[in-house]
PDB file of N, CA and C in Angstrom:
ATOM      1  N   MET A   1     -85.750 158.675 169.229  1.00  0.00           N
ATOM      2  CA  MET A   1     -85.148 159.988 169.101  1.00  0.00           C
ATOM      3  C   MET A   1     -85.016 160.665 170.472  1.00  0.00           C
ATOM      4  N   GLU A   2     -86.039 160.554 171.310  1.00  0.00           N
ATOM      5  CA  GLU A   2     -86.002 161.185 172.629  1.00  0.00           C
ATOM      6  C   GLU A   2     -84.884 160.598 173.486  1.00  0.00           C
ATOM      7  N   ASP A   3     -84.685 159.281 173.402  1.00  0.00           N
ATOM      8  CA  ASP A   3     -83.622 158.645 174.178  1.00  0.00           C
ATOM      9  C   ASP A   3     -82.251 159.159 173.748  1.00  0.00           C
ATOM     10  N   ALA A   4     -82.074 159.350 172.456  1.00  0.00           N
ATOM     11  CA  ALA A   4     -80.797 159.854 171.952  1.00  0.00           C
ATOM     12  C   ALA A   4     -80.556 161.284 172.442  1.00  0.00           C
ATOM     13  N   LEU A   5     -81.582 162.120 172.417  1.00  0.00           N
ATOM     14  CA  LEU A   5     -81.441 163.493 172.912  1.00  0.00           C
ATOM     15  C   LEU A   5     -81.131 163.513 174.403  1.00  0.00           C
ATOM     16  N   TRP A   6     -81.819 162.659 175.154  1.00  0.00           N
ATOM     17  CA  TRP A   6     -81.577 162.578 176.597  1.00  0.00           C
ATOM     18  C   TRP A   6     -80.125 162.185 176.873  1.00  0.00           C
ATOM     19  N   ALA A   7     -79.644 161.179 176.131  1.00  0.00           N
ATOM     20  CA  ALA A   7     -78.269 160.716 176.307  1.00  0.00           C
ATOM     21  C   ALA A   7     -77.283 161.831 175.976  1.00  0.00           C
ATOM     22  N   TYR A   8     -77.530 162.563 174.897  1.00  0.00           N
ATOM     23  CA  TYR A   8     -76.634 163.652 174.505  1.00  0.00           C
ATOM     24  C   TYR A   8     -76.629 164.753 175.564  1.00  0.00           C
ATOM     25  N   ARG A   9     -77.790 165.130 176.033  1.00  0.00           N
ATOM     26  CA  ARG A   9     -77.909 166.253 176.972  1.00  0.00           C
ATOM     27  C   ARG A   9     -77.371 165.941 178.365  1.00  0.00           C
ATOM     28  N   THR A  10     -77.267 164.674 178.712  1.00  0.00           N
ATOM     29  CA  THR A  10     -76.816 164.317 180.066  1.00  0.00           C
ATOM     30  C   THR A  10     -75.407 163.721 180.097  1.00  0.00           C
ATOM     31  N   THR A  11     -74.701 163.794 178.983  1.00  0.00           N
ATOM     32  CA  THR A  11     -73.334 163.295 178.900  1.00  0.00           C
ATOM     33  C   THR A  11     -72.364 164.472 178.921  1.00  0.00           C
ATOM     34  N   HIS A  12     -71.309 164.359 179.737  1.00  0.00           N
ATOM     35  CA  HIS A  12     -70.315 165.430 179.800  1.00  0.00           C
ATOM     36  C   HIS A  12     -69.648 165.597 178.443  1.00  0.00           C
ATOM     37  N   ARG A  13     -69.557 166.823 177.977  1.00  0.00           N
ATOM     38  CA  ARG A  13     -68.892 167.152 176.722  1.00  0.00           C
ATOM     39  C   ARG A  13     -67.433 167.475 177.031  1.00  0.00           C
ATOM     40  N   THR A  14     -66.520 166.964 176.254  1.00  0.00           N
ATOM     41  CA  THR A  14     -65.097 167.177 176.479  1.00  0.00           C
ATOM     42  C   THR A  14     -64.701 168.654 176.369  1.00  0.00           C
ATOM     43  N   PRO A  15     -65.153 169.395 175.352  1.00  0.00           N
ATOM     44  CA  PRO A  15     -64.715 170.796 175.249  1.00  0.00           C
ATOM     45  C   PRO A  15     -65.160 171.683 176.413  1.00  0.00           C
ATOM     46  N   THR A  16     -66.368 171.472 176.933  1.00  0.00           N
ATOM     47  CA  THR A  16     -66.893 172.346 177.988  1.00  0.00           C
ATOM     48  C   THR A  16     -66.712 171.770 179.385  1.00  0.00           C
ATOM     49  N   HIS A  17     -66.490 170.474 179.492  1.00  0.00           N
ATOM     50  CA  HIS A  17     -66.331 169.766 180.772  1.00  0.00           C
ATOM     51  C   HIS A  17     -67.623 169.727 181.592  1.00  0.00           C
ATOM     52  N   VAL A  18     -68.760 169.947 180.965  1.00  0.00           N
ATOM     53  CA  VAL A  18     -70.061 169.876 181.638  1.00  0.00           C
ATOM     54  C   VAL A  18     -71.080 169.275 180.680  1.00  0.00           C
ATOM     55  N   THR A  19     -72.270 168.978 181.198  1.00  0.00           N
ATOM     56  CA  THR A  19     -73.342 168.462 180.339  1.00  0.00           C
ATOM     57  C   THR A  19     -74.147 169.624 179.773  1.00  0.00           C
ATOM     58  N   PRO A  20     -74.693 169.480 178.555  1.00  0.00           N
ATOM     59  CA  PRO A  20     -75.572 170.515 178.028  1.00  0.00           C
ATOM     60  C   PRO A  20     -76.776 170.765 178.948  1.00  0.00           C
ATOM     61  N   TYR A  21     -77.281 169.723 179.579  1.00  0.00           N
ATOM     62  CA  TYR A  21     -78.409 169.850 180.496  1.00  0.00           C
ATOM     63  C   TYR A  21     -78.080 170.817 181.638  1.00  0.00           C
ATOM     64  N   SER A  22     -76.887 170.686 182.207  1.00  0.00           N
ATOM     65  CA  SER A  22     -76.530 171.544 183.340  1.00  0.00           C
ATOM     66  C   SER A  22     -76.298 172.988 182.910  1.00  0.00           C
ATOM     67  N   LEU A  23     -75.869 173.198 181.664  1.00  0.00           N
ATOM     68  CA  LEU A  23     -75.702 174.569 181.179  1.00  0.00           C
ATOM     69  C   LEU A  23     -77.041 175.270 180.991  1.00  0.00           C
ATOM     70  N   ILE A  24     -78.075 174.514 180.697  1.00  0.00           N
ATOM     71  CA  ILE A  24     -79.407 175.089 180.523  1.00  0.00           C
ATOM     72  C   ILE A  24     -80.120 175.237 181.859  1.00  0.00           C
ATOM     73  N   ASN A  25     -80.075 174.204 182.690  1.00  0.00           N
ATOM     74  CA  ASN A  25     -80.890 174.165 183.908  1.00  0.00           C
ATOM     75  C   ASN A  25     -80.152 174.522 185.193  1.00  0.00           C
ATOM     76  N   GLY A  26     -78.843 174.567 185.148  1.00  0.00           N
ATOM     77  CA  GLY A  26     -78.081 174.941 186.327  1.00  0.00           C
ATOM     78  C   GLY A  26     -77.771 173.797 187.268  1.00  0.00           C
ATOM     79  N   VAL A  27     -78.320 172.630 187.038  1.00  0.00           N
ATOM     80  CA  VAL A  27     -78.059 171.447 187.861  1.00  0.00           C
ATOM     81  C   VAL A  27     -77.948 170.241 186.938  1.00  0.00           C
ATOM     82  N   GLU A  28     -77.339 169.184 187.441  1.00  0.00           N
ATOM     83  CA  GLU A  28     -77.274 167.943 186.672  1.00  0.00           C
ATOM     84  C   GLU A  28     -78.638 167.263 186.691  1.00  0.00           C
ATOM     85  N   ALA A  29     -78.936 166.534 185.641  1.00  0.00           N
ATOM     86  CA  ALA A  29     -80.187 165.800 185.552  1.00  0.00           C
ATOM     87  C   ALA A  29     -80.193 164.620 186.515  1.00  0.00           C
ATOM     88  N   VAL A  30     -81.378 164.278 186.995  1.00  0.00           N
ATOM     89  CA  VAL A  30     -81.535 163.071 187.798  1.00  0.00           C
ATOM     90  C   VAL A  30     -81.865 161.952 186.817  1.00  0.00           C
ATOM     91  N   LEU A  31     -80.974 161.027 186.692  1.00  0.00           N
ATOM     92  CA  LEU A  31     -81.152 159.934 185.733  1.00  0.00           C
ATOM     93  C   LEU A  31     -82.158 158.914 186.258  1.00  0.00           C
ATOM     94  N   PRO A  32     -82.870 158.235 185.375  1.00  0.00           N
ATOM     95  CA  PRO A  32     -83.844 157.234 185.819  1.00  0.00           C
ATOM     96  C   PRO A  32     -83.230 156.178 186.747  1.00  0.00           C
ATOM     97  N   LEU A  33     -82.000 155.774 186.478  1.00  0.00           N
ATOM     98  CA  LEU A  33     -81.328 154.789 187.328  1.00  0.00           C
ATOM     99  C   LEU A  33     -81.153 155.319 188.750  1.00  0.00           C
ATOM    100  N   GLU A  34     -80.906 156.616 188.887  1.00  0.00           N
ATOM    101  CA  GLU A  34     -80.741 157.206 190.215  1.00  0.00           C
ATOM    102  C   GLU A  34     -82.038 157.127 191.018  1.00  0.00           C
ATOM    103  N   ARG A  35     -83.164 157.168 190.357  1.00  0.00           N
ATOM    104  CA  ARG A  35     -84.451 157.032 191.048  1.00  0.00           C
ATOM    105  C   ARG A  35     -84.616 155.599 191.582  1.00  0.00           C
ATOM    106  N   GLN A  36     -84.124 154.643 190.838  1.00  0.00           N
ATOM    107  CA  GLN A  36     -84.264 153.247 191.244  1.00  0.00           C
ATOM    108  C   GLN A  36     -83.338 152.897 192.406  1.00  0.00           C
ATOM    109  N   ILE A  37     -82.106 153.421 192.399  1.00  0.00           N
ATOM    110  CA  ILE A  37     -81.167 153.063 193.462  1.00  0.00           C
ATOM    111  C   ILE A  37     -81.080 154.133 194.545  1.00  0.00           C
ATOM    112  N   HIS A  38     -81.920 155.145 194.435  1.00  0.00           N
ATOM    113  CA  HIS A  38     -82.016 156.220 195.419  1.00  0.00           C
ATOM    114  C   HIS A  38     -80.647 156.849 195.679  1.00  0.00           C
ATOM    115  N   SER A  39     -80.252 157.713 194.761  1.00  0.00           N
ATOM    116  CA  SER A  39     -78.934 158.344 194.818  1.00  0.00           C
ATOM    117  C   SER A  39     -78.827 159.344 195.959  1.00  0.00           C
ATOM    118  N   LEU A  40     -77.605 159.751 196.227  1.00  0.00           N
ATOM    119  CA  LEU A  40     -77.338 160.739 197.266  1.00  0.00           C
ATOM    120  C   LEU A  40     -78.015 162.060 196.930  1.00  0.00           C
ATOM    121  N   GLN A  41     -78.000 162.439 195.650  1.00  0.00           N
ATOM    122  CA  GLN A  41     -78.643 163.689 195.237  1.00  0.00           C
ATOM    123  C   GLN A  41     -80.125 163.680 195.593  1.00  0.00           C
ATOM    124  N   LEU A  42     -80.811 162.572 195.350  1.00  0.00           N
ATOM    125  CA  LEU A  42     -82.233 162.479 195.683  1.00  0.00           C
ATOM    126  C   LEU A  42     -82.456 162.460 197.186  1.00  0.00           C
ATOM    127  N   ALA A  43     -81.592 161.774 197.907  1.00  0.00           N
ATOM    128  CA  ALA A  43     -81.727 161.719 199.364  1.00  0.00           C
ATOM    129  C   ALA A  43     -81.601 163.105 199.971  1.00  0.00           C
ATOM    130  N   ILE A  44     -80.697 163.897 199.465  1.00  0.00           N
ATOM    131  CA  ILE A  44     -80.516 165.260 199.964  1.00  0.00           C
ATOM    132  C   ILE A  44     -81.744 166.105 199.635  1.00  0.00           C
ATOM    133  N   GLN A  45     -82.245 165.986 198.386  1.00  0.00           N
ATOM    134  CA  GLN A  45     -83.398 166.788 197.971  1.00  0.00           C
ATOM    135  C   GLN A  45     -84.642 166.435 198.776  1.00  0.00           C
ATOM    136  N   GLU A  46     -84.835 165.172 199.096  1.00  0.00           N
ATOM    137  CA  GLU A  46     -86.047 164.756 199.806  1.00  0.00           C
ATOM    138  C   GLU A  46     -85.981 165.065 201.298  1.00  0.00           C
ATOM    139  N   GLY A  47     -84.776 165.299 201.820  1.00  0.00           N
ATOM    140  CA  GLY A  47     -84.638 165.521 203.251  1.00  0.00           C
ATOM    141  C   GLY A  47     -84.618 166.988 203.662  1.00  0.00           C
ATOM    142  N   ILE A  48     -84.955 167.911 202.760  1.00  0.00           N
ATOM    143  CA  ILE A  48     -84.916 169.327 203.118  1.00  0.00           C
ATOM    144  C   ILE A  48     -86.293 169.964 202.948  1.00  0.00           C
ATOM    145  N   THR A  49     -86.479 171.090 203.602  1.00  0.00           N
ATOM    146  CA  THR A  49     -87.764 171.808 203.536  1.00  0.00           C
ATOM    147  C   THR A  49     -87.885 172.520 202.198  1.00  0.00           C
ATOM    148  N   ASP A  50     -89.087 172.951 201.881  1.00  0.00           N
ATOM    149  CA  ASP A  50     -89.322 173.683 200.636  1.00  0.00           C
ATOM    150  C   ASP A  50     -88.521 174.985 200.599  1.00  0.00           C
ATOM    151  N   GLU A  51     -88.447 175.666 201.750  1.00  0.00           N
ATOM    152  CA  GLU A  51     -87.698 176.922 201.805  1.00  0.00           C
ATOM    153  C   GLU A  51     -86.209 176.691 201.557  1.00  0.00           C
ATOM    154  N   GLU A  52     -85.668 175.627 202.173  1.00  0.00           N
ATOM    155  CA  GLU A  52     -84.257 175.300 201.988  1.00  0.00           C
ATOM    156  C   GLU A  52     -83.996 174.879 200.548  1.00  0.00           C
ATOM    157  N   ASN A  53     -84.915 174.133 199.970  1.00  0.00           N
ATOM    158  CA  ASN A  53     -84.793 173.718 198.577  1.00  0.00           C
ATOM    159  C   ASN A  53     -84.785 174.943 197.661  1.00  0.00           C
ATOM    160  N   ALA A  54     -85.658 175.912 197.923  1.00  0.00           N
ATOM    161  CA  ALA A  54     -85.713 177.134 197.117  1.00  0.00           C
ATOM    162  C   ALA A  54     -84.405 177.918 197.251  1.00  0.00           C
ATOM    163  N   ARG A  55     -83.860 177.993 198.470  1.00  0.00           N
ATOM    164  CA  ARG A  55     -82.610 178.712 198.690  1.00  0.00           C
ATOM    165  C   ARG A  55     -81.458 178.035 197.941  1.00  0.00           C
ATOM    166  N   LEU A  56     -81.393 176.700 198.014  1.00  0.00           N
ATOM    167  CA  LEU A  56     -80.336 175.965 197.311  1.00  0.00           C
ATOM    168  C   LEU A  56     -80.459 176.127 195.803  1.00  0.00           C
ATOM    169  N   ARG A  57     -81.682 176.124 195.319  1.00  0.00           N
ATOM    170  CA  ARG A  57     -81.915 176.297 193.877  1.00  0.00           C
ATOM    171  C   ARG A  57     -81.451 177.682 193.428  1.00  0.00           C
ATOM    172  N   LEU A  58     -81.709 178.692 194.246  1.00  0.00           N
ATOM    173  CA  LEU A  58     -81.272 180.051 193.935  1.00  0.00           C
ATOM    174  C   LEU A  58     -79.749 180.123 193.867  1.00  0.00           C
ATOM    175  N   VAL A  59     -79.076 179.472 194.788  1.00  0.00           N
ATOM    176  CA  VAL A  59     -77.606 179.435 194.784  1.00  0.00           C
ATOM    177  C   VAL A  59     -77.107 178.765 193.506  1.00  0.00           C
ATOM    178  N   GLU A  60     -77.748 177.671 193.113  1.00  0.00           N
ATOM    179  CA  GLU A  60     -77.353 176.966 191.886  1.00  0.00           C
ATOM    180  C   GLU A  60     -77.550 177.853 190.660  1.00  0.00           C
ATOM    181  N   LEU A  61     -78.668 178.568 190.621  1.00  0.00           N
ATOM    182  CA  LEU A  61     -78.931 179.438 189.478  1.00  0.00           C
ATOM    183  C   LEU A  61     -77.968 180.621 189.433  1.00  0.00           C
ATOM    184  N   GLU A  62     -77.570 181.123 190.588  1.00  0.00           N
ATOM    185  CA  GLU A  62     -76.599 182.212 190.616  1.00  0.00           C
ATOM    186  C   GLU A  62     -75.238 181.739 190.106  1.00  0.00           C
ATOM    187  N   ALA A  63     -74.906 180.492 190.338  1.00  0.00           N
ATOM    188  CA  ALA A  63     -73.632 179.935 189.870  1.00  0.00           C
ATOM    189  C   ALA A  63     -73.682 179.567 188.390  1.00  0.00           C
ATOM    190  N   LEU A  64     -74.878 179.537 187.821  1.00  0.00           N
ATOM    191  CA  LEU A  64     -75.038 179.117 186.431  1.00  0.00           C
ATOM    192  C   LEU A  64     -74.323 180.061 185.467  1.00  0.00           C
ATOM    193  N   TYR A  65     -74.368 181.358 185.710  1.00  0.00           N
ATOM    194  CA  TYR A  65     -73.696 182.313 184.827  1.00  0.00           C
ATOM    195  C   TYR A  65     -72.201 182.001 184.740  1.00  0.00           C
ATOM    196  N   GLU A  66     -71.588 181.759 185.883  1.00  0.00           N
ATOM    197  CA  GLU A  66     -70.161 181.454 185.905  1.00  0.00           C
ATOM    198  C   GLU A  66     -69.859 180.131 185.204  1.00  0.00           C
ATOM    199  N   LYS A  67     -70.720 179.156 185.398  1.00  0.00           N
ATOM    200  CA  LYS A  67     -70.544 177.851 184.746  1.00  0.00           C
ATOM    201  C   LYS A  67     -70.607 178.004 183.230  1.00  0.00           C
ATOM    202  N   ARG A  68     -71.559 178.808 182.750  1.00  0.00           N
ATOM    203  CA  ARG A  68     -71.679 179.040 181.308  1.00  0.00           C
ATOM    204  C   ARG A  68     -70.474 179.802 180.770  1.00  0.00           C
ATOM    205  N   LEU A  69     -69.977 180.756 181.543  1.00  0.00           N
ATOM    206  CA  LEU A  69     -68.811 181.527 181.129  1.00  0.00           C
ATOM    207  C   LEU A  69     -67.586 180.624 181.007  1.00  0.00           C
ATOM    208  N   GLU A  70     -67.397 179.729 181.957  1.00  0.00           N
ATOM    209  CA  GLU A  70     -66.277 178.785 181.898  1.00  0.00           C
ATOM    210  C   GLU A  70     -66.393 177.873 180.685  1.00  0.00           C
ATOM    211  N   ALA A  71     -67.608 177.412 180.381  1.00  0.00           N
ATOM    212  CA  ALA A  71     -67.822 176.557 179.203  1.00  0.00           C
ATOM    213  C   ALA A  71     -67.504 177.327 177.925  1.00  0.00           C
ATOM    214  N   LYS A  72     -67.918 178.582 177.870  1.00  0.00           N
ATOM    215  CA  LYS A  72     -67.652 179.415 176.691  1.00  0.00           C
ATOM    216  C   LYS A  72     -66.151 179.607 176.503  1.00  0.00           C
ATOM    217  N   GLN A  73     -65.443 179.862 177.592  1.00  0.00           N
ATOM    218  CA  GLN A  73     -64.001 180.053 177.502  1.00  0.00           C
ATOM    219  C   GLN A  73     -63.299 178.772 177.046  1.00  0.00           C
ATOM    220  N   SER A  74     -63.782 177.629 177.497  1.00  0.00           N
ATOM    221  CA  SER A  74     -63.207 176.350 177.055  1.00  0.00           C
ATOM    222  C   SER A  74     -63.395 176.163 175.561  1.00  0.00           C
ATOM    223  N   LEU A  75     -64.576 176.531 175.065  1.00  0.00           N
ATOM    224  CA  LEU A  75     -64.850 176.395 173.633  1.00  0.00           C
ATOM    225  C   LEU A  75     -63.999 177.362 172.813  1.00  0.00           C
ATOM    226  N   GLU A  76     -63.841 178.592 173.296  1.00  0.00           N
ATOM    227  CA  GLU A  76     -63.027 179.567 172.570  1.00  0.00           C
ATOM    228  C   GLU A  76     -61.582 179.079 172.476  1.00  0.00           C
ATOM    229  N   TRP A  77     -61.089 178.506 173.553  1.00  0.00           N
ATOM    230  CA  TRP A  77     -59.715 177.966 173.535  1.00  0.00           C
ATOM    231  C   TRP A  77     -59.594 176.845 172.518  1.00  0.00           C
ATOM    232  N   LYS A  78     -60.626 176.015 172.408  1.00  0.00           N
ATOM    233  CA  LYS A  78     -60.582 174.879 171.493  1.00  0.00           C
ATOM    234  C   LYS A  78     -60.474 175.336 170.038  1.00  0.00           C
ATOM    235  N   PHE A  79     -61.106 176.457 169.704  1.00  0.00           N
ATOM    236  CA  PHE A  79     -61.156 176.890 168.314  1.00  0.00           C
ATOM    237  C   PHE A  79     -60.098 177.929 167.941  1.00  0.00           C
ATOM    238  N   THR A  80     -59.142 178.191 168.807  1.00  0.00           N
ATOM    239  CA  THR A  80     -58.071 179.114 168.440  1.00  0.00           C
ATOM    240  C   THR A  80     -57.148 178.442 167.426  1.00  0.00           C
ATOM    241  N   SER A  81     -56.533 179.261 166.626  1.00  0.00           N
ATOM    242  CA  SER A  81     -55.645 178.754 165.585  1.00  0.00           C
ATOM    243  C   SER A  81     -54.428 178.071 166.194  1.00  0.00           C
ATOM    244  N   LYS A  82     -54.059 176.968 165.614  1.00  0.00           N
ATOM    245  CA  LYS A  82     -52.892 176.232 166.086  1.00  0.00           C
ATOM    246  C   LYS A  82     -51.664 176.529 165.220  1.00  0.00           C
ATOM    247  N   TRP A  83     -51.813 177.462 164.283  1.00  0.00           N
ATOM    248  CA  TRP A  83     -50.737 177.743 163.348  1.00  0.00           C
ATOM    249  C   TRP A  83     -50.276 179.186 163.482  1.00  0.00           C
ATOM    250  N   ASP A  84     -48.998 179.408 163.232  1.00  0.00           N
ATOM    251  CA  ASP A  84     -48.415 180.738 163.157  1.00  0.00           C
ATOM    252  C   ASP A  84     -47.996 180.965 161.714  1.00  0.00           C
ATOM    253  N   GLY A  85     -47.733 182.207 161.410  1.00  0.00           N
ATOM    254  CA  GLY A  85     -47.203 182.470 160.083  1.00  0.00           C
ATOM    255  C   GLY A  85     -47.994 183.529 159.359  1.00  0.00           C
ATOM    256  N   PRO A  86     -47.745 183.690 158.105  1.00  0.00           N
ATOM    257  CA  PRO A  86     -46.876 182.897 157.244  1.00  0.00           C
ATOM    258  C   PRO A  86     -45.398 183.249 157.421  1.00  0.00           C
ATOM    259  N   TYR A  87     -44.561 182.312 157.031  1.00  0.00           N
ATOM    260  CA  TYR A  87     -43.116 182.483 157.075  1.00  0.00           C
ATOM    261  C   TYR A  87     -42.542 182.224 155.692  1.00  0.00           C
ATOM    262  N   VAL A  88     -41.321 182.695 155.499  1.00  0.00           N
ATOM    263  CA  VAL A  88     -40.601 182.443 154.251  1.00  0.00           C
ATOM    264  C   VAL A  88     -39.460 181.493 154.579  1.00  0.00           C
ATOM    265  N   VAL A  89     -39.283 180.489 153.734  1.00  0.00           N
ATOM    266  CA  VAL A  89     -38.183 179.547 153.929  1.00  0.00           C
ATOM    267  C   VAL A  89     -36.892 180.240 153.508  1.00  0.00           C
ATOM    268  N   GLN A  90     -35.975 180.385 154.446  1.00  0.00           N
ATOM    269  CA  GLN A  90     -34.693 181.030 154.161  1.00  0.00           C
ATOM    270  C   GLN A  90     -33.651 180.000 153.732  1.00  0.00           C
ATOM    271  N   GLU A  91     -33.735 178.824 154.353  1.00  0.00           N
ATOM    272  CA  GLU A  91     -32.752 177.794 154.036  1.00  0.00           C
ATOM    273  C   GLU A  91     -33.357 176.427 154.304  1.00  0.00           C
ATOM    274  N   ALA A  92     -33.073 175.466 153.440  1.00  0.00           N
ATOM    275  CA  ALA A  92     -33.529 174.088 153.623  1.00  0.00           C
ATOM    276  C   ALA A  92     -32.312 173.218 153.895  1.00  0.00           C
ATOM    277  N   TYR A  93     -32.410 172.417 154.946  1.00  0.00           N
ATOM    278  CA  TYR A  93     -31.308 171.526 155.314  1.00  0.00           C
ATOM    279  C   TYR A  93     -31.588 170.128 154.776  1.00  0.00           C
ATOM    280  N   SER A  94     -30.543 169.363 154.565  1.00  0.00           N
ATOM    281  CA  SER A  94     -30.689 168.009 154.020  1.00  0.00           C
ATOM    282  C   SER A  94     -31.392 167.073 155.005  1.00  0.00           C
ATOM    283  N   SER A  95     -31.416 167.430 156.273  1.00  0.00           N
ATOM    284  CA  SER A  95     -32.047 166.579 157.282  1.00  0.00           C
ATOM    285  C   SER A  95     -33.567 166.713 157.316  1.00  0.00           C
ATOM    286  N   GLY A  96     -34.116 167.593 156.486  1.00  0.00           N
ATOM    287  CA  GLY A  96     -35.571 167.785 156.464  1.00  0.00           C
ATOM    288  C   GLY A  96     -36.034 168.939 157.334  1.00  0.00           C
ATOM    289  N   ALA A  97     -35.097 169.734 157.832  1.00  0.00           N
ATOM    290  CA  ALA A  97     -35.436 170.908 158.626  1.00  0.00           C
ATOM    291  C   ALA A  97     -35.351 172.156 157.752  1.00  0.00           C
ATOM    292  N   TYR A  98     -36.053 173.203 158.189  1.00  0.00           N
ATOM    293  CA  TYR A  98     -36.058 174.463 157.450  1.00  0.00           C
ATOM    294  C   TYR A  98     -35.786 175.619 158.397  1.00  0.00           C
ATOM    295  N   LYS A  99     -35.029 176.605 157.902  1.00  0.00           N
ATOM    296  CA  LYS A  99     -34.836 177.850 158.638  1.00  0.00           C
ATOM    297  C   LYS A  99     -35.848 178.834 158.059  1.00  0.00           C
ATOM    298  N   LEU A 100     -36.655 179.432 158.921  1.00  0.00           N
ATOM    299  CA  LEU A 100     -37.720 180.320 158.483  1.00  0.00           C
ATOM    300  C   LEU A 100     -37.466 181.758 158.894  1.00  0.00           C
ATOM    301  N   VAL A 101     -38.104 182.675 158.164  1.00  0.00           N
ATOM    302  CA  VAL A 101     -38.040 184.098 158.466  1.00  0.00           C
ATOM    303  C   VAL A 101     -39.469 184.619 158.461  1.00  0.00           C
ATOM    304  N   ASP A 102     -39.821 185.437 159.483  1.00  0.00           N
ATOM    305  CA  ASP A 102     -41.178 185.997 159.510  1.00  0.00           C
ATOM    306  C   ASP A 102     -41.231 187.284 158.686  1.00  0.00           C
ATOM    307  N   ALA A 103     -42.379 187.961 158.675  1.00  0.00           N
ATOM    308  CA  ALA A 103     -42.584 189.152 157.856  1.00  0.00           C
ATOM    309  C   ALA A 103     -41.648 190.290 158.246  1.00  0.00           C
ATOM    310  N   ASP A 104     -41.198 190.331 159.496  1.00  0.00           N
ATOM    311  CA  ASP A 104     -40.288 191.386 159.960  1.00  0.00           C
ATOM    312  C   ASP A 104     -38.823 191.034 159.742  1.00  0.00           C
ATOM    313  N   GLY A 105     -38.552 189.889 159.145  1.00  0.00           N
ATOM    314  CA  GLY A 105     -37.185 189.461 158.904  1.00  0.00           C
ATOM    315  C   GLY A 105     -36.545 188.749 160.079  1.00  0.00           C
ATOM    316  N   MET A 106     -37.324 188.468 161.107  1.00  0.00           N
ATOM    317  CA  MET A 106     -36.795 187.768 162.278  1.00  0.00           C
ATOM    318  C   MET A 106     -36.637 186.292 161.940  1.00  0.00           C
ATOM    319  N   ARG A 107     -35.482 185.747 162.279  1.00  0.00           N
ATOM    320  CA  ARG A 107     -35.221 184.329 162.015  1.00  0.00           C
ATOM    321  C   ARG A 107     -35.927 183.460 163.052  1.00  0.00           C
ATOM    322  N   ILE A 108     -36.413 182.355 162.592  1.00  0.00           N
ATOM    323  CA  ILE A 108     -37.038 181.346 163.445  1.00  0.00           C
ATOM    324  C   ILE A 108     -36.079 180.156 163.478  1.00  0.00           C
ATOM    325  N   SER A 109     -35.879 179.583 164.646  1.00  0.00           N
ATOM    326  CA  SER A 109     -34.957 178.449 164.746  1.00  0.00           C
ATOM    327  C   SER A 109     -35.393 177.336 163.809  1.00  0.00           C
ATOM    328  N   PRO A 110     -34.477 176.506 163.354  1.00  0.00           N
ATOM    329  CA  PRO A 110     -34.828 175.444 162.405  1.00  0.00           C
ATOM    330  C   PRO A 110     -36.003 174.594 162.898  1.00  0.00           C
ATOM    331  N   ILE A 111     -36.890 174.286 161.975  1.00  0.00           N
ATOM    332  CA  ILE A 111     -38.108 173.527 162.277  1.00  0.00           C
ATOM    333  C   ILE A 111     -38.190 172.336 161.342  1.00  0.00           C
ATOM    334  N   ASN A 112     -38.590 171.201 161.869  1.00  0.00           N
ATOM    335  CA  ASN A 112     -38.763 169.989 161.080  1.00  0.00           C
ATOM    336  C   ASN A 112     -39.902 170.197 160.081  1.00  0.00           C
ATOM    337  N   ALA A 113     -39.744 169.677 158.895  1.00  0.00           N
ATOM    338  CA  ALA A 113     -40.719 169.848 157.824  1.00  0.00           C
ATOM    339  C   ALA A 113     -42.094 169.296 158.175  1.00  0.00           C
ATOM    340  N   LYS A 114     -42.157 168.300 159.064  1.00  0.00           N
ATOM    341  CA  LYS A 114     -43.459 167.710 159.395  1.00  0.00           C
ATOM    342  C   LYS A 114     -44.356 168.688 160.158  1.00  0.00           C
ATOM    343  N   PHE A 115     -43.786 169.772 160.684  1.00  0.00           N
ATOM    344  CA  PHE A 115     -44.568 170.769 161.413  1.00  0.00           C
ATOM    345  C   PHE A 115     -44.956 171.964 160.551  1.00  0.00           C
ATOM    346  N   LEU A 116     -44.651 171.890 159.252  1.00  0.00           N
ATOM    347  CA  LEU A 116     -44.937 173.006 158.352  1.00  0.00           C
ATOM    348  C   LEU A 116     -46.096 172.669 157.428  1.00  0.00           C
ATOM    349  N   LYS A 117     -46.816 173.717 157.043  1.00  0.00           N
ATOM    350  CA  LYS A 117     -47.887 173.583 156.048  1.00  0.00           C
ATOM    351  C   LYS A 117     -47.645 174.633 154.973  1.00  0.00           C
ATOM    352  N   LYS A 118     -48.015 174.297 153.772  1.00  0.00           N
ATOM    353  CA  LYS A 118     -47.858 175.231 152.675  1.00  0.00           C
ATOM    354  C   LYS A 118     -48.889 176.345 152.834  1.00  0.00           C
ATOM    355  N   TYR A 119     -48.472 177.568 152.592  1.00  0.00           N
ATOM    356  CA  TYR A 119     -49.339 178.737 152.715  1.00  0.00           C
ATOM    357  C   TYR A 119     -49.772 179.173 151.329  1.00  0.00           C
ATOM    358  N   TYR A 120     -51.078 179.371 151.149  1.00  0.00           N
ATOM    359  CA  TYR A 120     -51.628 179.827 149.884  1.00  0.00           C
ATOM    360  C   TYR A 120     -52.272 181.195 150.100  1.00  0.00           C
ATOM    361  N   PRO A 121     -51.634 182.269 149.622  1.00  0.00           N
ATOM    362  CA  PRO A 121     -52.200 183.613 149.834  1.00  0.00           C
ATOM    363  C   PRO A 121     -53.481 183.849 149.056  1.00  0.00           C
TER     364      PRO A 121
END
């Protein structure tokens, strides 16, 4: 179970474009493999003083609010409605297209039936 949680938390999510781990901690996780092959991230962390490390960590935490805000905006965009309407069918063409009218009586250019859904009030 722990391995599955670790994998989930350190994998980039498509809707937010970041990992859940980085949204919580402000930095990407150091993966066990990176410890074995001595990644660039570890080399940088080990080559700086404690004061410099604290300053860099503060900068990362200050950027965390903006990172979370961007993730939230990505999620809100994902869940917006993809449909307009309701409309009334004014005319049906033999080709499978429909002429629609909105609630204000404005005509909508002909639309193929495959892009329409039935509306149930």
